[in-house]
Structures are given as structure tokens and as C-alpha cells.
Protein backbone atom coordinates (compact mmCIF):
# COMPACT_ATOMS: atom_id res chain seq x y z
CA UNK A 1 13.16 -15.11 2.80
CA UNK A 2 11.73 -11.93 1.26
CA UNK A 3 10.55 -9.14 3.49
CA UNK A 4 6.97 -7.92 3.52
CA UNK A 5 6.60 -5.41 0.66
CA UNK A 6 3.73 -4.60 -1.70
CA UNK A 7 5.44 -6.71 -4.40
CA UNK A 8 5.99 -9.75 -2.21
CA UNK A 9 2.44 -9.47 -0.82
CA UNK A 10 1.07 -9.50 -4.38
CA UNK A 11 3.23 -12.52 -5.25
CA UNK A 12 2.07 -14.26 -2.07
CA UNK A 13 -1.57 -13.57 -2.93
CA UNK A 14 -1.08 -14.94 -6.46
CA UNK A 15 0.58 -18.06 -5.05
CA UNK A 16 -2.31 -18.54 -2.61
CA UNK A 17 -4.84 -18.17 -5.43
CA UNK A 18 -2.90 -20.64 -7.59
CA UNK A 19 -2.79 -23.17 -4.74
CA UNK A 20 -6.54 -22.75 -4.13
CA UNK A 21 -7.17 -23.26 -7.88
CA UNK A 22 -5.26 -26.57 -7.65
CA UNK A 23 -7.53 -27.55 -4.76
CA UNK A 24 -4.77 -27.16 -2.16
CA UNK A 25 -6.09 -25.63 1.07
CA UNK A 26 -4.75 -22.16 1.91
CA UNK A 27 -4.51 -20.77 5.44
CA UNK A 28 -3.43 -17.17 6.12
CA UNK A 29 0.03 -17.07 7.57
CA UNK A 30 2.77 -14.82 8.79
CA UNK A 31 5.38 -13.10 6.62
CA UNK A 32 9.13 -12.91 7.13
CA UNK A 33 10.00 -9.46 8.51
CA UNK A 34 13.21 -8.20 10.16
CA UNK A 35 14.55 -11.68 10.83
CA UNK A 36 11.37 -13.29 12.15
CA UNK A 37 7.76 -14.14 11.41
CA UNK A 38 5.28 -11.25 11.65
CA UNK A 39 1.58 -10.63 11.15
CA UNK A 40 1.17 -9.14 7.62
CA UNK A 41 -1.46 -6.67 8.86
CA UNK A 42 0.76 -4.84 11.36
CA UNK A 43 4.19 -6.51 10.99
CA UNK A 44 4.27 -7.28 14.73
CA UNK A 45 6.23 -10.43 15.65
CA UNK A 46 4.28 -13.66 16.07
CA UNK A 47 5.35 -16.94 17.65
CA UNK A 48 3.52 -19.20 15.20
CA UNK A 49 3.55 -18.63 11.42
CA UNK A 50 -0.04 -20.00 11.22
CA UNK A 51 -2.21 -17.00 12.08
CA UNK A 52 -5.44 -18.98 11.95
CA UNK A 53 -6.15 -22.59 12.84
CA UNK A 54 -5.24 -25.09 10.12
CA UNK A 55 -8.92 -26.08 10.11
CA UNK A 56 -9.64 -22.61 8.66
CA UNK A 57 -7.74 -23.51 5.47
CA UNK A 58 -9.79 -22.99 2.31
CA UNK A 59 -9.72 -23.60 -1.43
CA UNK A 60 -12.29 -20.81 -1.96
CA UNK A 61 -10.55 -18.18 -4.15
CA UNK A 62 -13.13 -15.52 -3.21
CA UNK A 63 -12.34 -16.02 0.49
CA UNK A 64 -8.59 -15.84 -0.21
CA UNK A 65 -9.18 -12.53 -2.06
CA UNK A 66 -11.33 -11.24 0.81
CA UNK A 67 -8.66 -12.08 3.39
CA UNK A 68 -5.99 -10.33 1.30
CA UNK A 69 -8.20 -7.27 0.66
CA UNK A 70 -8.90 -6.82 4.37
CA UNK A 71 -5.18 -6.49 5.08
CA UNK A 72 -4.05 -4.70 1.91
CA UNK A 73 -2.44 -1.26 2.06
CA UNK A 74 -3.88 1.49 -0.18
CA UNK A 75 -2.13 3.08 -3.14
CA UNK A 76 -2.06 6.88 -3.36
CA UNK A 77 -0.41 9.57 -5.46
CA UNK A 78 0.89 12.99 -4.54
CA UNK A 79 0.09 15.50 -7.27
CA UNK A 80 1.78 18.90 -7.27
CA UNK A 81 -0.15 21.89 -8.64
CA UNK A 82 1.77 24.84 -10.11
CA UNK A 83 0.76 28.50 -10.22
CA UNK A 84 -2.92 29.33 -10.39
CA UNK A 85 -3.93 25.97 -11.85
CA UNK A 86 -1.34 26.39 -14.61
CA UNK A 87 -0.24 22.80 -14.47
CA UNK A 88 0.15 19.71 -12.34
CA UNK A 89 2.25 16.59 -12.19
CA UNK A 90 2.39 13.37 -10.24
CA UNK A 91 5.35 13.85 -7.91
CA UNK A 92 5.23 10.50 -6.13
CA UNK A 93 3.35 7.30 -5.47
CA UNK A 94 2.86 5.81 -2.07
CA UNK A 95 1.40 2.96 -0.11
CA UNK A 96 -0.65 3.74 3.00
CA UNK A 97 -0.51 1.16 5.76
CA UNK A 98 -2.57 1.34 8.92
CA UNK A 99 0.32 2.87 10.89
CA UNK A 100 2.49 4.58 8.26
CA UNK A 101 2.94 5.61 4.64
CA UNK A 102 5.85 4.89 2.27
CA UNK A 103 6.32 7.18 -0.77
CA UNK A 104 8.75 7.19 -3.70
CA UNK A 105 9.20 10.11 -6.06
CA UNK A 106 8.48 9.41 -9.72
CA UNK A 107 12.01 10.54 -10.63
CA UNK A 108 13.51 7.99 -8.26
CA UNK A 109 16.18 8.69 -5.71
CA UNK A 110 13.78 10.02 -3.07
CA UNK A 111 11.96 7.80 -0.57
CA UNK A 112 9.86 9.07 2.30
CA UNK A 113 8.54 7.20 5.32
CA UNK A 114 5.83 9.10 7.15
CA UNK A 115 3.21 8.60 9.84
CA UNK A 116 0.39 8.97 7.29
CA UNK A 117 -0.37 9.73 3.66
CA UNK A 118 -1.58 13.22 4.64
CA UNK A 119 1.69 13.93 6.45
CA UNK A 120 3.65 12.75 3.38
CA UNK A 121 1.58 15.15 1.24
CA UNK A 122 2.44 18.01 3.58
CA UNK A 123 6.15 17.18 3.47
CA UNK A 124 6.12 17.01 -0.35
CA UNK A 125 4.35 20.38 -0.45
CA UNK A 126 6.84 22.03 1.89
CA UNK A 127 9.88 20.60 0.09
CA UNK A 128 8.67 21.63 -3.38
CA UNK A 129 7.64 25.24 -2.70
CA UNK A 130 10.97 26.53 -4.03
CA UNK A 131 10.16 24.99 -7.43
CA UNK A 132 6.89 26.90 -7.77
CA UNK A 133 4.51 24.31 -6.35
CA UNK A 134 1.40 26.06 -5.08
CA UNK A 135 -0.27 23.07 -3.51
CA UNK A 136 0.13 19.31 -3.22
CA UNK A 137 -2.88 17.03 -3.48
CA UNK A 138 -3.38 13.55 -2.09
CA UNK A 139 -5.09 11.37 -4.71
CA UNK A 140 -6.49 7.90 -4.04
CA UNK A 141 -6.74 6.11 -7.43
CA UNK A 142 -9.48 3.83 -6.08
CA UNK A 143 -11.65 6.89 -5.33
CA UNK A 144 -12.83 9.82 -7.37
CA UNK A 145 -12.23 12.42 -4.65
CA UNK A 146 -9.02 14.14 -3.55
CA UNK A 147 -7.89 15.65 -0.32
CA UNK A 148 -5.97 18.92 -0.61
CA UNK A 149 -4.67 21.51 1.75
CA UNK A 150 -7.10 24.38 1.96
CA UNK A 151 -5.73 27.96 1.95
């Protein structure tokens, strides 16, 4: 079975929405993770793959979306700024979970697991100083604000 990743979660959500559209009841369930069933919200092992009573099954697509949105990780980007606002580039994209962040560089070949998106930003900033990066910014595409290290 596939492990719990952003791609498999999206595929699972689409499958759940398709089933609901066919009128087949959908009940939130566990995902396969590290050789066993786990809660998709925190990836902690569970004994029963049904996380809610079968009676809670629904064909309501809006409710299926709401359940998925409540547990979804957030996408972020790390943008490196060069010189005195001379230029900037997206250095990596990441996914922020409740307890960690996973980031991949846009060039590929570099993956970072960190305790948070902010910590990942700090590590990118430190590792890229030798290339002229002045500052690294944490950008949340679903928001219009950024969080940056203040000098």
C-alpha cells in the first residue's frame, strides 16, 4: 500500500469525492504508514482503520472536503533574497504538518526534514549565505503575507 504523502492524500481525497458522487458512503479512515495503519492527521498507529463510526459515513461532498481540509498540511515556499533587494528566487517548496516540515529544493537533489517551516527557512538561509543570499523568506501561497528574519 502507498505511504501517506501529499500526493497519495490528494488521490485519496479525489477517490473519496468520486465515491460520494456515485452515492457511495465515505467514512474517514486510516492510511498505511510504516507497515501499519495510522491516523492521517498525526501518523500515529491505530488499531482500527475506521477512525469514525461507520454510521458517520456520508455522501456529502462538502463534508468530505471539510474533513480533508481540517487535516491537510500547508504548502509553503522558501524564497532567497540576494544583495540589497537585487533579486530573489524560490529555493524550495515545502509541506508543513502539525509536527514537522518537509522541504525539497527546486533544483532537486536536496530534501530537508525539519521541526517546523520556520526552522527550515533558517537552515536554508544559513546554508546559502556563501552564495550571496542576504535573507530567506517563508512564503505561504494561501496568504498574502510573508514571515522573514528581521535584522
